[in-house]
Amino acid sequence: MKTKEIKGFKHVGYDPQRFDEAEMTNRSEAYYAYHDLRRSVRDISDRPFPKEILENIIKTASTAPSGAHKQPWTFCVVQDPAIKSQIRKAAEKEEYESYQSRMSDRWLDDLKPIGTDWEKPFLEKVPYLVVLFKRVFERDEEGNKSNNYYVNESVGIAAGMFISAVHHAGLVTLTHTPSPMNFLSDILKRPDNERAFLVLPVGFAEEEIYVPDLKRKTLSEVCVWY
């Protein structure tokens, strides 16, 4: 492998994939078509699958770019039924309060087509419950703090790549964000530099499921050329 020193630091040679224009078009179309099939699924089976699959998904998510390459994320995988039950009870408590008093009428109206409510049985049923934490700073062995940069942006990108990798593996997930989420740090006994970012239940879809008949925005609605 070729190496080169740039501004006092070692850099290694990188050989990006190169395709002709026809293959680039075909690959981009196929990738879009496959991901257009993705849906957020709440009817998730308790059918187990090897943990190596989930480890590969997490490794894929961890290839995400991050500010100054700090990789400010921790993926906590919960498979213990007792902990999953504890998380569900705490999450449903917060969700009940949100649906009853925290959400505006407009917010509740916007959720009606999706059909969600405060009950979250999937949190307990799935084989693996992944809680993604953002690392707002780091501590060394002596307890000294050091900064992380663009934490929300970095963790958000990693979350998107996680979701894509789940779909690519033939599994399903959804993004669950009970608010506030402080209870997750308490239940999982996470250090003080971590904050809960997303809850991602992962598993096989049930044999027969239905999802909301929602339409994605067209390209012209999400893209502007200058």
Protein backbone atom coordinates (compact mmCIF):
# COMPACT_ATOMS: atom_id res chain seq x y z
CA MET A 1 0.00 0.00 0.00
CA LYS A 2 1.32 3.39 -0.95
CA THR A 3 1.77 5.93 1.81
CA LYS A 4 2.50 9.63 1.81
CA GLU A 5 3.21 12.16 4.52
CA ILE A 6 0.93 15.20 4.30
CA LYS A 7 1.42 18.07 6.75
CA GLY A 8 3.28 15.77 9.10
CA PHE A 9 0.73 12.92 9.12
CA LYS A 10 0.70 9.59 7.33
CA HIS A 11 -1.84 9.17 4.52
CA VAL A 12 -2.48 5.93 2.66
CA GLY A 13 -3.31 5.39 -0.97
CA TYR A 14 -6.99 5.06 -1.84
CA ASP A 15 -8.34 3.38 -4.96
CA PRO A 16 -11.99 4.39 -5.42
CA GLN A 17 -14.36 2.22 -7.44
CA ARG A 18 -14.61 3.36 -11.02
CA PHE A 19 -17.44 2.46 -13.40
CA ASP A 20 -18.45 3.61 -16.85
CA GLU A 21 -21.47 5.91 -17.09
CA ALA A 22 -23.89 3.16 -18.09
CA GLU A 23 -22.99 1.03 -15.08
CA MET A 24 -23.10 4.07 -12.80
CA THR A 25 -26.64 4.81 -14.00
CA ASN A 26 -27.74 1.19 -13.58
CA ARG A 27 -26.24 0.91 -10.10
CA SER A 28 -27.78 4.18 -8.93
CA GLU A 29 -31.20 3.21 -10.31
CA ALA A 30 -31.08 -0.23 -8.72
CA TYR A 31 -29.96 1.17 -5.40
CA TYR A 32 -32.81 3.67 -5.42
CA ALA A 33 -35.40 1.07 -6.46
CA TYR A 34 -34.36 -1.26 -3.65
CA HIS A 35 -34.39 1.45 -1.00
CA ASP A 36 -37.71 2.77 -2.23
CA LEU A 37 -39.13 -0.53 -0.93
CA ARG A 38 -38.00 0.28 2.60
CA ARG A 39 -40.68 1.04 5.17
CA SER A 40 -40.73 1.72 8.89
CA VAL A 41 -42.27 -1.47 10.26
CA ARG A 42 -43.84 -1.83 13.70
CA ASP A 43 -45.03 -5.42 13.32
CA ILE A 44 -41.69 -7.05 14.01
CA SER A 45 -41.36 -10.77 14.72
CA ASP A 46 -39.62 -12.26 17.74
CA ARG A 47 -37.84 -14.68 15.37
CA PRO A 48 -34.14 -14.74 16.29
CA PHE A 49 -31.25 -14.20 13.90
CA PRO A 50 -27.47 -14.49 14.37
CA LYS A 51 -25.88 -11.60 16.22
CA GLU A 52 -23.13 -11.52 13.58
CA ILE A 53 -25.66 -10.00 11.16
CA LEU A 54 -26.35 -7.15 13.53
CA GLU A 55 -22.65 -6.72 14.23
CA ASN A 56 -22.04 -6.34 10.49
CA ILE A 57 -24.84 -3.77 10.30
CA ILE A 58 -23.28 -1.78 13.14
CA LYS A 59 -19.85 -1.98 11.52
CA THR A 60 -21.39 -0.63 8.32
CA ALA A 61 -23.01 2.25 10.23
CA SER A 62 -19.66 2.99 11.80
CA THR A 63 -18.11 3.64 8.39
CA ALA A 64 -20.07 6.92 8.41
CA PRO A 65 -18.09 10.14 8.14
CA SER A 66 -17.79 12.15 11.34
CA GLY A 67 -16.40 15.47 12.51
CA ALA A 68 -12.59 15.15 12.80
CA HIS A 69 -13.11 11.36 12.56
CA LYS A 70 -14.17 11.25 16.22
CA GLN A 71 -16.90 8.64 15.55
CA PRO A 72 -19.04 10.00 18.41
CA TRP A 73 -21.50 7.13 18.72
CA THR A 74 -22.19 4.06 20.81
CA PHE A 75 -24.59 1.33 19.66
CA CYS A 76 -26.02 -0.46 22.70
CA VAL A 77 -27.63 -3.79 21.78
CA VAL A 78 -30.26 -5.03 24.22
CA GLN A 79 -31.29 -8.67 24.07
CA ASP A 80 -32.06 -9.30 27.75
CA PRO A 81 -35.87 -9.66 28.04
CA ALA A 82 -35.93 -8.01 31.46
CA ILE A 83 -34.10 -4.91 30.22
CA LYS A 84 -36.29 -4.71 27.11
CA SER A 85 -39.36 -4.85 29.33
CA GLN A 86 -37.96 -2.12 31.55
CA ILE A 87 -37.27 0.08 28.52
CA ARG A 88 -40.78 -0.50 27.15
CA LYS A 89 -42.45 0.48 30.43
CA ALA A 90 -40.39 3.67 30.72
CA ALA A 91 -40.86 4.57 27.06
CA GLU A 92 -44.62 4.02 27.19
CA LYS A 93 -44.86 6.23 30.25
CA GLU A 94 -43.25 9.10 28.33
CA GLU A 95 -45.24 8.34 25.17
CA TYR A 96 -48.53 8.35 27.10
CA GLU A 97 -47.72 11.79 28.48
CA SER A 98 -46.81 13.02 25.01
CA TYR A 99 -50.00 11.78 23.37
CA GLN A 100 -52.15 13.05 26.23
CA SER A 101 -50.67 16.49 26.85
CA ARG A 102 -47.36 17.30 25.16
CA MET A 103 -48.24 17.00 21.47
CA SER A 104 -50.17 19.75 19.72
CA ASP A 105 -53.46 19.00 17.99
CA ARG A 106 -51.76 19.51 14.64
CA TRP A 107 -49.03 17.04 15.53
CA LEU A 108 -51.62 14.46 16.56
CA ASP A 109 -53.54 15.04 13.32
CA ASP A 110 -50.35 14.54 11.30
CA LEU A 111 -49.80 11.19 13.04
CA LYS A 112 -53.30 9.83 12.35
CA PRO A 113 -52.50 8.40 8.88
CA ILE A 114 -49.55 6.53 10.38
CA GLY A 115 -51.73 4.97 13.08
CA THR A 116 -49.33 5.21 15.99
CA ASP A 117 -50.22 5.57 19.65
CA TRP A 118 -48.45 5.46 23.01
CA GLU A 119 -48.26 1.67 23.16
CA LYS A 120 -44.96 0.25 21.88
CA PRO A 121 -45.04 -3.57 22.12
CA PHE A 122 -42.25 -3.92 19.55
CA LEU A 123 -39.77 -2.64 22.14
CA GLU A 124 -40.22 -5.85 24.09
CA LYS A 125 -40.91 -8.32 21.30
CA VAL A 126 -37.95 -7.82 18.96
CA PRO A 127 -34.88 -10.06 19.29
CA TYR A 128 -32.59 -7.03 19.42
CA LEU A 129 -33.27 -3.49 20.59
CA VAL A 130 -30.52 -1.09 19.52
CA VAL A 131 -30.17 2.14 21.45
CA LEU A 132 -27.95 4.64 19.67
CA PHE A 133 -26.17 7.11 21.94
CA LYS A 134 -24.30 10.22 20.86
CA ARG A 135 -21.03 10.94 22.61
CA VAL A 136 -21.07 14.68 23.31
CA PHE A 137 -17.47 14.61 24.55
CA GLU A 138 -14.75 12.10 25.47
CA ARG A 139 -12.91 11.35 28.69
CA ASP A 140 -9.43 9.91 28.90
CA GLU A 141 -8.29 7.48 31.58
CA GLU A 142 -7.55 10.39 33.91
CA GLY A 143 -11.04 11.81 33.45
CA ASN A 144 -9.99 14.78 31.30
CA LYS A 145 -12.51 15.98 28.74
CA SER A 146 -11.90 16.40 25.02
CA ASN A 147 -14.29 17.72 22.40
CA ASN A 148 -16.23 15.91 19.73
CA TYR A 149 -17.39 17.91 16.71
CA TYR A 150 -20.60 18.03 14.69
CA VAL A 151 -21.97 15.31 16.94
CA ASN A 152 -25.62 15.43 15.88
CA GLU A 153 -24.71 15.52 12.21
CA SER A 154 -22.24 12.65 12.56
CA VAL A 155 -24.57 10.42 14.57
CA GLY A 156 -27.46 11.22 12.25
CA ILE A 157 -25.45 10.02 9.25
CA ALA A 158 -24.47 6.83 11.12
CA ALA A 159 -28.14 6.23 11.96
CA GLY A 160 -29.11 6.57 8.30
CA MET A 161 -26.43 4.11 7.25
CA PHE A 162 -27.60 1.72 9.99
CA ILE A 163 -31.17 1.84 8.66
CA SER A 164 -29.94 1.27 5.10
CA ALA A 165 -27.83 -1.71 6.21
CA VAL A 166 -30.77 -3.23 8.10
CA HIS A 167 -32.88 -3.05 4.94
CA HIS A 168 -30.03 -4.45 2.83
CA ALA A 169 -29.81 -7.46 5.18
CA GLY A 170 -33.50 -8.28 4.72
CA LEU A 171 -34.55 -7.08 8.17
CA VAL A 172 -36.76 -4.19 9.30
CA THR A 173 -36.51 -1.39 11.80
CA LEU A 174 -38.04 1.96 12.71
CA THR A 175 -36.83 5.08 14.47
CA HIS A 176 -38.35 5.43 17.93
CA THR A 177 -37.74 8.66 19.83
CA PRO A 178 -39.52 8.75 23.17
CA SER A 179 -39.10 12.20 24.66
CA PRO A 180 -37.43 12.79 27.01
CA MET A 181 -35.05 9.83 26.70
CA ASN A 182 -33.00 10.26 29.87
CA PHE A 183 -34.37 7.00 31.25
CA LEU A 184 -32.30 5.07 28.70
CA SER A 185 -29.04 6.32 30.18
CA ASP A 186 -30.25 5.29 33.62
CA ILE A 187 -31.47 1.84 32.63
CA LEU A 188 -28.37 1.02 30.57
CA LYS A 189 -26.02 2.74 33.03
CA ARG A 190 -24.28 4.77 30.34
CA PRO A 191 -21.45 7.22 31.18
CA ASP A 192 -22.09 10.94 31.53
CA ASN A 193 -20.66 11.77 28.09
CA GLU A 194 -23.42 9.88 26.29
CA ARG A 195 -26.96 10.99 25.42
CA ALA A 196 -29.66 8.78 23.92
CA PHE A 197 -30.24 9.65 20.26
CA LEU A 198 -32.49 6.93 18.77
CA VAL A 199 -34.09 3.61 19.64
CA LEU A 200 -33.96 1.14 16.74
CA PRO A 201 -35.75 -2.20 17.15
CA VAL A 202 -34.39 -4.72 14.64
CA GLY A 203 -35.85 -8.01 13.44
CA PHE A 204 -37.78 -9.85 10.76
CA ALA A 205 -41.11 -8.46 9.67
CA GLU A 206 -44.14 -10.51 10.67
CA GLU A 207 -45.49 -12.84 7.99
CA GLU A 208 -48.43 -10.54 7.20
CA ILE A 209 -48.07 -6.84 7.85
CA TYR A 210 -49.62 -3.62 6.64
CA VAL A 211 -47.97 -0.21 6.50
CA PRO A 212 -49.52 3.22 5.90
CA ASP A 213 -50.19 4.02 2.25
CA LEU A 214 -47.88 7.01 2.22
CA LYS A 215 -46.29 8.69 -0.78
CA ARG A 216 -42.77 10.03 -0.82
CA LYS A 217 -42.11 13.48 -2.19
CA THR A 218 -41.12 13.66 -5.83
CA LEU A 219 -37.61 14.57 -6.91
CA SER A 220 -38.75 18.08 -7.87
CA GLU A 221 -40.06 18.58 -4.32
CA VAL A 222 -36.83 17.62 -2.59
CA CYS A 223 -34.17 18.77 -5.07
CA VAL A 224 -33.34 22.20 -6.46
CA TRP A 225 -30.66 22.70 -9.13
CA TYR A 226 -28.69 25.94 -9.51
